[in-house]
Amino acid sequence: MVDLVDQIEGVRFLGREWLLYLWYESERMGAEDVEALREDATVPLVRPPQELFTPPGVDPFALYVTSPLVLESRFDVVERVSITGTEPSESNEARAALREGKLPAKLKLEIIRGEREWACTLDGDTLSMSGVRLPAELKKEEEAALEERLYLLGELEAMLDALLQQYVELRLSKRFTSSVRPAMREWLLSSVD
């Protein structure tokens, strides 16, 4: 009988692959699309709505990678690269680390939906969130503010859960090997402008 630790180790790669996929997808979404998702925006979407982050059960949102970005090797000797600064995911150093076989171990995400903005760091091994920043609260009363914060945290969890579920379904599909993996490989090998 395989014990729990062996089962966890057997699928640990999935979290890091998911973070890499989120990074890839976030770079496909342009700044114009992020602005178009804001409620008061007058900018039209550059990408069709189905290509934005629209997992089942949640409203469309934009997602992008911010600083810091931590990449680690998957081999016995752990090599870690931590990239900071503005737009670390678009740095040549980050792409070089990916080409060397490193995968995102921790990824800081900014999520925008309408006028609301969330931020959190996802751990690729445990899929846990840390450093969560919620949208500003509107309610002033203590109890109402707490309820609003819990609601906003639930919204963040729902978006991330839906993204993970969508990724697992994609990862198990034939489409992943026929079109997504080759597109990601092409992205990985492309140079950063």
N, C-alpha and C. Protein backbone atom coordinates (compact mmCIF):
# COMPACT_ATOMS: atom_id res chain seq x y z
N MET A 1 0.84 -1.19 0.00
CA MET A 1 0.00 0.00 0.00
C MET A 1 0.89 1.25 0.00
N VAL A 2 0.60 2.14 -0.90
CA VAL A 2 1.36 3.38 -1.01
C VAL A 2 0.89 4.32 0.10
N ASP A 3 1.86 4.85 0.85
CA ASP A 3 1.44 5.75 1.92
C ASP A 3 1.19 7.16 1.39
N LEU A 4 0.62 7.99 2.22
CA LEU A 4 0.20 9.33 1.83
C LEU A 4 1.35 10.18 1.31
N VAL A 5 2.52 10.08 1.94
CA VAL A 5 3.68 10.88 1.52
C VAL A 5 4.07 10.53 0.08
N ASP A 6 4.08 9.23 -0.24
CA ASP A 6 4.41 8.81 -1.60
C ASP A 6 3.38 9.30 -2.61
N GLN A 7 2.10 9.30 -2.21
CA GLN A 7 1.05 9.81 -3.09
C GLN A 7 1.24 11.29 -3.36
N ILE A 8 1.57 12.05 -2.32
CA ILE A 8 1.78 13.49 -2.47
C ILE A 8 2.98 13.74 -3.38
N GLU A 9 4.07 13.01 -3.14
CA GLU A 9 5.27 13.18 -3.96
C GLU A 9 4.99 12.84 -5.42
N GLY A 10 4.10 11.87 -5.64
CA GLY A 10 3.78 11.45 -7.00
C GLY A 10 3.07 12.50 -7.83
N VAL A 11 2.40 13.44 -7.18
CA VAL A 11 1.67 14.48 -7.92
C VAL A 11 2.17 15.89 -7.61
N ARG A 12 3.28 15.98 -6.91
CA ARG A 12 3.82 17.30 -6.54
C ARG A 12 4.10 18.16 -7.77
N PHE A 13 4.52 17.54 -8.85
CA PHE A 13 4.85 18.28 -10.07
C PHE A 13 3.65 19.07 -10.60
N LEU A 14 2.45 18.60 -10.32
CA LEU A 14 1.25 19.20 -10.90
C LEU A 14 1.07 20.66 -10.48
N GLY A 15 1.35 20.98 -9.23
CA GLY A 15 1.22 22.36 -8.76
C GLY A 15 2.18 23.29 -9.46
N ARG A 16 3.41 22.85 -9.63
CA ARG A 16 4.40 23.69 -10.31
C ARG A 16 4.07 23.83 -11.79
N GLU A 17 3.58 22.76 -12.40
CA GLU A 17 3.15 22.86 -13.79
C GLU A 17 1.98 23.84 -13.93
N TRP A 18 1.07 23.81 -12.96
CA TRP A 18 -0.07 24.72 -12.98
C TRP A 18 0.41 26.17 -12.89
N LEU A 19 1.36 26.43 -12.01
CA LEU A 19 1.91 27.79 -11.89
C LEU A 19 2.55 28.22 -13.21
N LEU A 20 3.27 27.30 -13.86
CA LEU A 20 3.87 27.62 -15.16
C LEU A 20 2.78 27.93 -16.19
N TYR A 21 1.71 27.16 -16.17
CA TYR A 21 0.60 27.39 -17.09
C TYR A 21 -0.06 28.75 -16.83
N LEU A 22 -0.26 29.10 -15.56
CA LEU A 22 -0.83 30.42 -15.24
C LEU A 22 0.08 31.53 -15.74
N TRP A 23 1.37 31.36 -15.58
CA TRP A 23 2.35 32.34 -16.06
C TRP A 23 2.23 32.48 -17.58
N TYR A 24 2.22 31.35 -18.27
CA TYR A 24 2.09 31.35 -19.73
C TYR A 24 0.81 32.07 -20.16
N GLU A 25 -0.30 31.71 -19.55
CA GLU A 25 -1.58 32.32 -19.93
C GLU A 25 -1.62 33.80 -19.59
N SER A 26 -1.00 34.18 -18.48
CA SER A 26 -1.02 35.60 -18.10
C SER A 26 -0.24 36.45 -19.11
N GLU A 27 0.79 35.88 -19.70
CA GLU A 27 1.55 36.63 -20.70
C GLU A 27 0.82 36.73 -22.02
N ARG A 28 -0.08 35.80 -22.26
CA ARG A 28 -0.89 35.88 -23.49
C ARG A 28 -1.92 37.00 -23.39
N MET A 29 -2.27 37.38 -22.16
CA MET A 29 -3.25 38.44 -21.96
C MET A 29 -2.53 39.78 -21.94
N GLY A 30 -2.91 40.68 -22.80
CA GLY A 30 -2.26 41.98 -22.89
C GLY A 30 -2.80 42.99 -21.89
N ALA A 31 -2.09 44.09 -21.71
CA ALA A 31 -2.51 45.16 -20.81
C ALA A 31 -3.86 45.73 -21.22
N GLU A 32 -4.13 45.75 -22.53
CA GLU A 32 -5.40 46.28 -23.01
C GLU A 32 -6.56 45.44 -22.48
N ASP A 33 -6.35 44.12 -22.41
CA ASP A 33 -7.39 43.24 -21.90
C ASP A 33 -7.64 43.48 -20.42
N VAL A 34 -6.57 43.71 -19.67
CA VAL A 34 -6.72 43.99 -18.24
C VAL A 34 -7.55 45.25 -18.06
N GLU A 35 -7.25 46.29 -18.81
CA GLU A 35 -8.01 47.55 -18.70
C GLU A 35 -9.45 47.36 -19.13
N ALA A 36 -9.68 46.54 -20.14
CA ALA A 36 -11.04 46.33 -20.63
C ALA A 36 -11.91 45.60 -19.62
N LEU A 37 -11.31 44.88 -18.69
CA LEU A 37 -12.08 44.18 -17.68
C LEU A 37 -12.56 45.09 -16.56
N ARG A 38 -12.00 46.26 -16.45
CA ARG A 38 -12.45 47.20 -15.43
C ARG A 38 -13.84 47.70 -15.81
N GLU A 39 -14.70 47.86 -14.83
CA GLU A 39 -16.10 48.20 -15.08
C GLU A 39 -16.27 49.50 -15.85
N ASP A 40 -15.44 50.48 -15.60
CA ASP A 40 -15.61 51.77 -16.25
C ASP A 40 -14.77 51.92 -17.51
N ALA A 41 -14.24 50.81 -17.99
CA ALA A 41 -13.33 50.88 -19.14
C ALA A 41 -14.10 51.15 -20.43
N THR A 42 -13.47 51.89 -21.31
CA THR A 42 -14.03 52.13 -22.64
C THR A 42 -13.19 51.43 -23.70
N VAL A 43 -12.14 50.75 -23.27
CA VAL A 43 -11.24 50.05 -24.19
C VAL A 43 -11.88 48.71 -24.56
N PRO A 44 -11.97 48.37 -25.85
CA PRO A 44 -12.52 47.07 -26.22
C PRO A 44 -11.51 45.96 -25.94
N LEU A 45 -12.01 44.75 -25.77
CA LEU A 45 -11.13 43.60 -25.55
C LEU A 45 -10.34 43.31 -26.82
N VAL A 46 -9.04 43.10 -26.65
CA VAL A 46 -8.18 42.73 -27.77
C VAL A 46 -8.35 41.25 -28.06
N ARG A 47 -8.42 40.46 -27.01
CA ARG A 47 -8.62 39.02 -27.16
C ARG A 47 -10.10 38.71 -27.02
N PRO A 48 -10.59 37.69 -27.70
CA PRO A 48 -11.98 37.30 -27.51
C PRO A 48 -12.24 36.93 -26.06
N PRO A 49 -13.45 37.19 -25.55
CA PRO A 49 -13.74 36.91 -24.14
C PRO A 49 -13.44 35.48 -23.72
N GLN A 50 -13.61 34.50 -24.62
CA GLN A 50 -13.36 33.12 -24.22
C GLN A 50 -11.88 32.85 -23.96
N GLU A 51 -10.99 33.76 -24.37
CA GLU A 51 -9.57 33.56 -24.13
C GLU A 51 -9.10 34.25 -22.85
N LEU A 52 -9.97 35.05 -22.23
CA LEU A 52 -9.62 35.61 -20.93
C LEU A 52 -9.80 34.51 -19.90
N PHE A 53 -9.46 34.77 -18.66
CA PHE A 53 -9.65 33.76 -17.63
C PHE A 53 -11.14 33.69 -17.32
N THR A 54 -11.77 32.66 -17.83
CA THR A 54 -13.20 32.49 -17.65
C THR A 54 -13.52 31.06 -17.23
N PRO A 55 -12.96 30.61 -16.11
CA PRO A 55 -13.28 29.24 -15.68
C PRO A 55 -14.75 29.16 -15.28
N PRO A 56 -15.35 27.98 -15.39
CA PRO A 56 -16.77 27.82 -15.06
C PRO A 56 -17.07 28.25 -13.63
N GLY A 57 -18.19 28.93 -13.48
CA GLY A 57 -18.67 29.29 -12.14
C GLY A 57 -18.20 30.62 -11.61
N VAL A 58 -17.33 31.33 -12.32
CA VAL A 58 -16.88 32.65 -11.86
C VAL A 58 -16.90 33.63 -13.03
N ASP A 59 -17.01 34.92 -12.71
CA ASP A 59 -16.99 35.96 -13.74
C ASP A 59 -15.58 36.09 -14.32
N PRO A 60 -15.45 36.56 -15.57
CA PRO A 60 -14.13 36.73 -16.20
C PRO A 60 -13.23 37.66 -15.38
N PHE A 61 -11.95 37.37 -15.43
CA PHE A 61 -10.98 38.19 -14.71
C PHE A 61 -9.64 38.15 -15.41
N ALA A 62 -8.81 39.13 -15.08
CA ALA A 62 -7.44 39.18 -15.60
C ALA A 62 -6.50 38.70 -14.50
N LEU A 63 -5.40 38.12 -14.90
CA LEU A 63 -4.43 37.60 -13.95
C LEU A 63 -3.04 37.86 -14.52
N TYR A 64 -2.15 38.36 -13.67
CA TYR A 64 -0.77 38.51 -14.13
C TYR A 64 0.20 38.26 -13.00
N VAL A 65 1.43 37.92 -13.38
CA VAL A 65 2.49 37.56 -12.44
C VAL A 65 3.25 38.81 -12.05
N THR A 66 3.49 38.96 -10.74
CA THR A 66 4.26 40.10 -10.25
C THR A 66 5.45 39.60 -9.45
N SER A 67 6.13 40.50 -8.81
CA SER A 67 7.35 40.20 -8.07
C SER A 67 7.02 39.83 -6.63
N PRO A 68 7.70 38.87 -6.04
CA PRO A 68 8.81 38.06 -6.53
C PRO A 68 8.33 36.79 -7.22
N LEU A 69 9.20 36.23 -8.01
CA LEU A 69 8.98 34.99 -8.72
C LEU A 69 10.11 34.05 -8.32
N VAL A 70 9.77 32.88 -7.79
CA VAL A 70 10.78 31.92 -7.33
C VAL A 70 10.70 30.67 -8.20
N LEU A 71 11.83 30.31 -8.80
CA LEU A 71 11.91 29.11 -9.63
C LEU A 71 12.91 28.15 -8.99
N GLU A 72 12.59 26.85 -9.05
CA GLU A 72 13.47 25.82 -8.49
C GLU A 72 13.61 24.67 -9.47
N SER A 73 14.74 23.98 -9.36
CA SER A 73 14.96 22.78 -10.17
C SER A 73 14.14 21.64 -9.61
N ARG A 74 13.91 20.66 -10.44
CA ARG A 74 13.12 19.49 -10.03
C ARG A 74 14.01 18.32 -9.66
N PHE A 75 15.29 18.53 -9.63
CA PHE A 75 16.23 17.43 -9.45
C PHE A 75 16.63 17.30 -7.98
N ASP A 76 17.50 16.33 -7.68
CA ASP A 76 17.91 16.08 -6.30
C ASP A 76 18.56 17.30 -5.65
N VAL A 77 19.41 17.98 -6.38
CA VAL A 77 20.07 19.17 -5.86
C VAL A 77 19.16 20.36 -6.17
N VAL A 78 18.68 21.00 -5.13
CA VAL A 78 17.76 22.12 -5.33
C VAL A 78 18.53 23.38 -5.68
N GLU A 79 18.21 23.91 -6.83
CA GLU A 79 18.77 25.20 -7.26
C GLU A 79 17.60 26.16 -7.32
N ARG A 80 17.76 27.29 -6.66
CA ARG A 80 16.67 28.26 -6.57
C ARG A 80 17.08 29.59 -7.19
N VAL A 81 16.17 30.16 -7.96
CA VAL A 81 16.37 31.49 -8.54
C VAL A 81 15.18 32.33 -8.09
N SER A 82 15.47 33.47 -7.48
CA SER A 82 14.41 34.40 -7.06
C SER A 82 14.57 35.68 -7.87
N ILE A 83 13.51 36.04 -8.57
CA ILE A 83 13.55 37.21 -9.45
C ILE A 83 12.59 38.25 -8.92
N THR A 84 13.11 39.46 -8.75
CA THR A 84 12.28 40.57 -8.27
C THR A 84 12.34 41.70 -9.28
N GLY A 85 11.67 42.78 -8.96
CA GLY A 85 11.65 43.92 -9.87
C GLY A 85 10.33 43.99 -10.59
N THR A 86 10.21 44.96 -11.47
CA THR A 86 8.96 45.10 -12.21
C THR A 86 8.90 44.05 -13.30
N GLU A 87 7.77 43.40 -13.42
CA GLU A 87 7.52 42.36 -14.42
C GLU A 87 8.61 41.29 -14.46
N PRO A 88 8.82 40.58 -13.36
CA PRO A 88 9.88 39.57 -13.34
C PRO A 88 9.62 38.42 -14.31
N SER A 89 8.35 38.14 -14.57
CA SER A 89 8.02 37.04 -15.46
C SER A 89 8.45 37.31 -16.89
N GLU A 90 8.66 38.57 -17.23
CA GLU A 90 9.05 38.93 -18.59
C GLU A 90 10.56 39.16 -18.71
N SER A 91 11.31 38.73 -17.71
CA SER A 91 12.76 38.93 -17.75
C SER A 91 13.46 37.77 -18.47
N ASN A 92 14.58 38.08 -19.07
CA ASN A 92 15.39 37.04 -19.72
C ASN A 92 15.91 36.04 -18.69
N GLU A 93 16.17 36.51 -17.48
CA GLU A 93 16.65 35.62 -16.41
C GLU A 93 15.61 34.55 -16.09
N ALA A 94 14.34 34.94 -16.06
CA ALA A 94 13.28 33.98 -15.77
C ALA A 94 13.18 32.94 -16.89
N ARG A 95 13.24 33.40 -18.13
CA ARG A 95 13.17 32.46 -19.26
C ARG A 95 14.37 31.52 -19.26
N ALA A 96 15.54 32.05 -18.94
CA ALA A 96 16.74 31.20 -18.89
C ALA A 96 16.58 30.12 -17.83
N ALA A 97 16.04 30.48 -16.68
CA ALA A 97 15.82 29.51 -15.60
C ALA A 97 14.84 28.42 -16.05
N LEU A 98 13.80 28.80 -16.79
CA LEU A 98 12.85 27.82 -17.31
C LEU A 98 13.54 26.88 -18.29
N ARG A 99 14.37 27.42 -19.14
CA ARG A 99 15.08 26.60 -20.13
C ARG A 99 16.05 25.62 -19.48
N GLU A 100 16.52 25.97 -18.28
CA GLU A 100 17.41 25.08 -17.53
C GLU A 100 16.64 23.99 -16.78
N GLY A 101 15.33 23.98 -16.89
CA GLY A 101 14.52 22.96 -16.24
C GLY A 101 13.91 23.37 -14.92
N LYS A 102 14.07 24.62 -14.54
CA LYS A 102 13.46 25.08 -13.30
C LYS A 102 11.99 25.39 -13.55
N LEU A 103 11.17 25.18 -12.53
CA LEU A 103 9.75 25.48 -12.60
C LEU A 103 9.39 26.45 -11.48
N PRO A 104 8.29 27.18 -11.63
CA PRO A 104 7.89 28.11 -10.57
C PRO A 104 7.57 27.34 -9.28
N ALA A 105 8.24 27.71 -8.21
CA ALA A 105 7.95 27.14 -6.90
C ALA A 105 6.97 28.04 -6.16
N LYS A 106 7.12 29.35 -6.36
CA LYS A 106 6.21 30.35 -5.78
C LYS A 106 5.96 31.40 -6.83
N LEU A 107 4.70 31.77 -6.95
CA LEU A 107 4.29 32.73 -7.96
C LEU A 107 3.36 33.74 -7.32
N LYS A 108 3.71 35.01 -7.41
CA LYS A 108 2.82 36.05 -6.89
C LYS A 108 1.91 36.50 -8.01
N LEU A 109 0.62 36.48 -7.74
CA LEU A 109 -0.38 36.82 -8.74
C LEU A 109 -1.16 38.06 -8.35
N GLU A 110 -1.53 38.84 -9.34
CA GLU A 110 -2.48 39.94 -9.20
C GLU A 110 -3.69 39.53 -10.02
N ILE A 111 -4.86 39.64 -9.43
CA ILE A 111 -6.09 39.28 -10.12
C ILE A 111 -6.99 40.51 -10.14
N ILE A 112 -7.52 40.83 -11.32
CA ILE A 112 -8.39 42.00 -11.47
C ILE A 112 -9.72 41.55 -12.04
N ARG A 113 -10.79 41.95 -11.37
CA ARG A 113 -12.14 41.72 -11.88
C ARG A 113 -12.95 42.97 -11.59
N GLY A 114 -13.32 43.67 -12.62
CA GLY A 114 -14.01 44.94 -12.42
C GLY A 114 -13.08 45.91 -11.73
N GLU A 115 -13.55 46.54 -10.68
CA GLU A 115 -12.72 47.48 -9.91
C GLU A 115 -11.99 46.81 -8.76
N ARG A 116 -12.19 45.52 -8.60
CA ARG A 116 -11.57 44.80 -7.48
C ARG A 116 -10.24 44.18 -7.90
N GLU A 117 -9.27 44.28 -6.99
CA GLU A 117 -7.95 43.69 -7.23
C GLU A 117 -7.52 42.87 -6.02
N TRP A 118 -7.12 41.64 -6.29
CA TRP A 118 -6.60 40.74 -5.28
C TRP A 118 -5.13 40.47 -5.59
N ALA A 119 -4.38 40.06 -4.59
CA ALA A 119 -3.01 39.60 -4.80
C ALA A 119 -2.74 38.48 -3.81
N CYS A 120 -1.94 37.52 -4.23
CA CYS A 120 -1.52 36.44 -3.33
C CYS A 120 -0.31 35.74 -3.94
N THR A 121 0.40 35.02 -3.10
CA THR A 121 1.50 34.19 -3.56
C THR A 121 1.05 32.74 -3.43
N LEU A 122 1.18 31.99 -4.52
CA LEU A 122 0.83 30.57 -4.52
C LEU A 122 2.09 29.73 -4.42
N ASP A 123 2.03 28.70 -3.60
CA ASP A 123 3.13 27.75 -3.45
C ASP A 123 2.83 26.56 -4.37
N GLY A 124 3.75 26.24 -5.26
CA GLY A 124 3.54 25.17 -6.22
C GLY A 124 3.51 23.78 -5.61
N ASP A 125 4.15 23.59 -4.47
CA ASP A 125 4.18 22.27 -3.85
C ASP A 125 2.94 21.98 -3.01
N THR A 126 2.47 22.98 -2.29
CA THR A 126 1.34 22.77 -1.37
C THR A 126 0.05 23.40 -1.87
N LEU A 127 0.13 24.23 -2.90
CA LEU A 127 -1.00 24.99 -3.43
C LEU A 127 -1.61 25.92 -2.38
N SER A 128 -0.81 26.28 -1.40
CA SER A 128 -1.30 27.19 -0.37
C SER A 128 -1.09 28.64 -0.80
N MET A 129 -1.92 29.52 -0.23
CA MET A 129 -1.81 30.95 -0.50
C MET A 129 -1.12 31.62 0.68
N SER A 130 -0.35 32.65 0.39
CA SER A 130 0.23 33.48 1.45
C SER A 130 0.26 34.91 0.94
N GLY A 131 0.48 35.83 1.85
CA GLY A 131 0.56 37.24 1.48
C GLY A 131 -0.66 37.74 0.74
N VAL A 132 -1.83 37.30 1.17
CA VAL A 132 -3.07 37.66 0.49
C VAL A 132 -3.40 39.13 0.72
N ARG A 133 -3.70 39.81 -0.38
CA ARG A 133 -4.19 41.19 -0.31
C ARG A 133 -5.56 41.21 -0.96
N LEU A 134 -6.53 41.68 -0.21
CA LEU A 134 -7.90 41.74 -0.69
C LEU A 134 -8.23 43.14 -1.18
N PRO A 135 -9.29 43.27 -2.00
CA PRO A 135 -9.73 44.61 -2.39
C PRO A 135 -10.10 45.42 -1.16
N ALA A 136 -10.03 46.73 -1.29
CA ALA A 136 -10.36 47.62 -0.17
C ALA A 136 -11.79 47.38 0.28
N GLU A 137 -11.99 47.41 1.58
CA GLU A 137 -13.32 47.21 2.14
C GLU A 137 -14.13 48.48 2.04
N LEU A 138 -15.41 48.31 1.80
CA LEU A 138 -16.30 49.45 1.71
C LEU A 138 -17.04 49.71 3.02
N LYS A 139 -17.26 48.65 3.77
CA LYS A 139 -18.03 48.77 5.00
C LYS A 139 -17.14 49.24 6.14
N LYS A 140 -17.69 50.10 6.99
CA LYS A 140 -16.91 50.67 8.09
C LYS A 140 -17.15 49.96 9.42
N GLU A 141 -18.35 49.41 9.61
CA GLU A 141 -18.65 48.74 10.87
C GLU A 141 -17.83 47.46 10.97
N GLU A 142 -17.35 47.18 12.16
CA GLU A 142 -16.41 46.07 12.36
C GLU A 142 -16.96 44.74 11.88
N GLU A 143 -18.18 44.40 12.29
CA GLU A 143 -18.76 43.12 11.92
C GLU A 143 -19.02 43.04 10.42
N ALA A 144 -19.53 44.10 9.84
CA ALA A 144 -19.80 44.13 8.40
C ALA A 144 -18.49 44.07 7.61
N ALA A 145 -17.46 44.74 8.10
CA ALA A 145 -16.16 44.72 7.42
C ALA A 145 -15.57 43.31 7.44
N LEU A 146 -15.71 42.61 8.57
CA LEU A 146 -15.22 41.23 8.67
C LEU A 146 -15.96 40.33 7.68
N GLU A 147 -17.28 40.48 7.62
CA GLU A 147 -18.07 39.68 6.68
C GLU A 147 -17.64 39.96 5.24
N GLU A 148 -17.39 41.23 4.94
CA GLU A 148 -16.96 41.59 3.59
C GLU A 148 -15.59 40.99 3.27
N ARG A 149 -14.67 41.03 4.22
CA ARG A 149 -13.34 40.44 4.01
C ARG A 149 -13.44 38.93 3.77
N LEU A 150 -14.28 38.26 4.55
CA LEU A 150 -14.47 36.83 4.35
C LEU A 150 -15.07 36.54 2.98
N TYR A 151 -16.02 37.37 2.57
CA TYR A 151 -16.63 37.21 1.25
C TYR A 151 -15.57 37.39 0.15
N LEU A 152 -14.74 38.42 0.27
CA LEU A 152 -13.71 38.68 -0.74
C LEU A 152 -12.66 37.57 -0.77
N LEU A 153 -12.32 37.02 0.39
CA LEU A 153 -11.40 35.89 0.44
C LEU A 153 -12.02 34.67 -0.25
N GLY A 154 -13.31 34.47 0.00
CA GLY A 154 -14.03 33.39 -0.67
C GLY A 154 -14.04 33.56 -2.19
N GLU A 155 -14.18 34.80 -2.64
CA GLU A 155 -14.13 35.08 -4.08
C GLU A 155 -12.77 34.68 -4.67
N LEU A 156 -11.70 35.05 -3.97
CA LEU A 156 -10.35 34.70 -4.43
C LEU A 156 -10.19 33.19 -4.49
N GLU A 157 -10.60 32.51 -3.43
CA GLU A 157 -10.50 31.05 -3.41
C GLU A 157 -11.31 30.42 -4.54
N ALA A 158 -12.49 30.95 -4.80
CA ALA A 158 -13.34 30.41 -5.87
C ALA A 158 -12.66 30.57 -7.23
N MET A 159 -12.04 31.73 -7.47
CA MET A 159 -11.36 31.94 -8.74
C MET A 159 -10.18 30.98 -8.90
N LEU A 160 -9.38 30.83 -7.84
CA LEU A 160 -8.22 29.94 -7.92
C LEU A 160 -8.64 28.48 -8.02
N ASP A 161 -9.67 28.08 -7.27
CA ASP A 161 -10.17 26.71 -7.36
C ASP A 161 -10.67 26.40 -8.76
N ALA A 162 -11.40 27.35 -9.35
CA ALA A 162 -11.92 27.15 -10.70
C ALA A 162 -10.78 27.05 -11.71
N LEU A 163 -9.75 27.87 -11.53
CA LEU A 163 -8.58 27.80 -12.43
C LEU A 163 -7.88 26.46 -12.31
N LEU A 164 -7.72 25.97 -11.09
CA LEU A 164 -7.05 24.69 -10.89
C LEU A 164 -7.87 23.56 -11.50
N GLN A 165 -9.17 23.57 -11.27
CA GLN A 165 -10.02 22.53 -11.83
C GLN A 165 -9.96 22.56 -13.36
N GLN A 166 -10.01 23.75 -13.92
CA GLN A 166 -9.94 23.90 -15.37
C GLN A 166 -8.59 23.37 -15.89
N TYR A 167 -7.50 23.65 -15.17
CA TYR A 167 -6.19 23.18 -15.60
C TYR A 167 -6.09 21.66 -15.54
N VAL A 168 -6.57 21.06 -14.47
CA VAL A 168 -6.49 19.60 -14.34
C VAL A 168 -7.27 18.93 -15.47
N GLU A 169 -8.46 19.46 -15.77
CA GLU A 169 -9.23 18.90 -16.89
C GLU A 169 -8.48 19.05 -18.21
N LEU A 170 -7.88 20.21 -18.43
CA LEU A 170 -7.09 20.45 -19.64
C LEU A 170 -5.88 19.52 -19.68
N ARG A 171 -5.19 19.38 -18.56
CA ARG A 171 -3.97 18.58 -18.47
C ARG A 171 -4.24 17.12 -18.81
N LEU A 172 -5.44 16.64 -18.48
CA LEU A 172 -5.80 15.26 -18.75
C LEU A 172 -6.38 15.05 -20.15
N SER A 173 -6.59 16.13 -20.87
CA SER A 173 -7.21 16.03 -22.20
C SER A 173 -6.16 15.83 -23.30
N LYS A 174 -6.63 15.38 -24.45
CA LYS A 174 -5.75 15.23 -25.61
C LYS A 174 -5.32 16.59 -26.13
N ARG A 175 -6.14 17.61 -25.93
CA ARG A 175 -5.82 18.96 -26.39
C ARG A 175 -4.52 19.47 -25.77
N PHE A 176 -4.26 19.06 -24.52
CA PHE A 176 -3.05 19.53 -23.85
C PHE A 176 -1.81 19.09 -24.62
N THR A 177 -1.75 17.81 -24.98
CA THR A 177 -0.56 17.32 -25.68
C THR A 177 -0.53 17.75 -27.14
N SER A 178 -1.70 17.92 -27.75
CA SER A 178 -1.71 18.27 -29.17
C SER A 178 -1.50 19.75 -29.45
N SER A 179 -1.99 20.64 -28.58
CA SER A 179 -1.86 22.06 -28.89
C SER A 179 -1.29 22.92 -27.76
N VAL A 180 -1.67 22.66 -26.52
CA VAL A 180 -1.22 23.52 -25.41
C VAL A 180 0.26 23.32 -25.13
N ARG A 181 0.70 22.08 -24.98
CA ARG A 181 2.12 21.84 -24.69
C ARG A 181 3.04 22.39 -25.78
N PRO A 182 2.74 22.17 -27.07
CA PRO A 182 3.60 22.77 -28.10
C PRO A 182 3.60 24.31 -28.06
N ALA A 183 2.45 24.91 -27.78
CA ALA A 183 2.39 26.38 -27.69
C ALA A 183 3.21 26.88 -26.51
N MET A 184 3.15 26.16 -25.39
CA MET A 184 3.94 26.55 -24.22
C MET A 184 5.43 26.40 -24.51
N ARG A 185 5.80 25.34 -25.21
CA ARG A 185 7.21 25.13 -25.57
C ARG A 185 7.70 26.27 -26.47
N GLU A 186 6.88 26.67 -27.42
CA GLU A 186 7.24 27.78 -28.31
C GLU A 186 7.40 29.07 -27.50
N TRP A 187 6.50 29.31 -26.56
CA TRP A 187 6.58 30.49 -25.68
C TRP A 187 7.87 30.45 -24.86
N LEU A 188 8.18 29.28 -24.34
CA LEU A 188 9.37 29.11 -23.51
C LEU A 188 10.64 29.43 -24.29
N LEU A 189 10.69 29.00 -25.53
CA LEU A 189 11.89 29.20 -26.34
C LEU A 189 11.97 30.58 -26.98
N SER A 190 10.86 31.31 -26.97
CA SER A 190 10.87 32.65 -27.57
C SER A 190 11.65 33.60 -26.68
N SER A 191 12.17 34.63 -27.29
CA SER A 191 12.93 35.61 -26.50
C SER A 191 11.98 36.66 -25.94
N VAL A 192 12.40 37.27 -24.86
CA VAL A 192 11.63 38.33 -24.23
C VAL A 192 12.01 39.63 -24.92
N ASP A 193 11.00 40.38 -25.34
CA ASP A 193 11.27 41.66 -26.02
C ASP A 193 11.71 42.73 -25.07
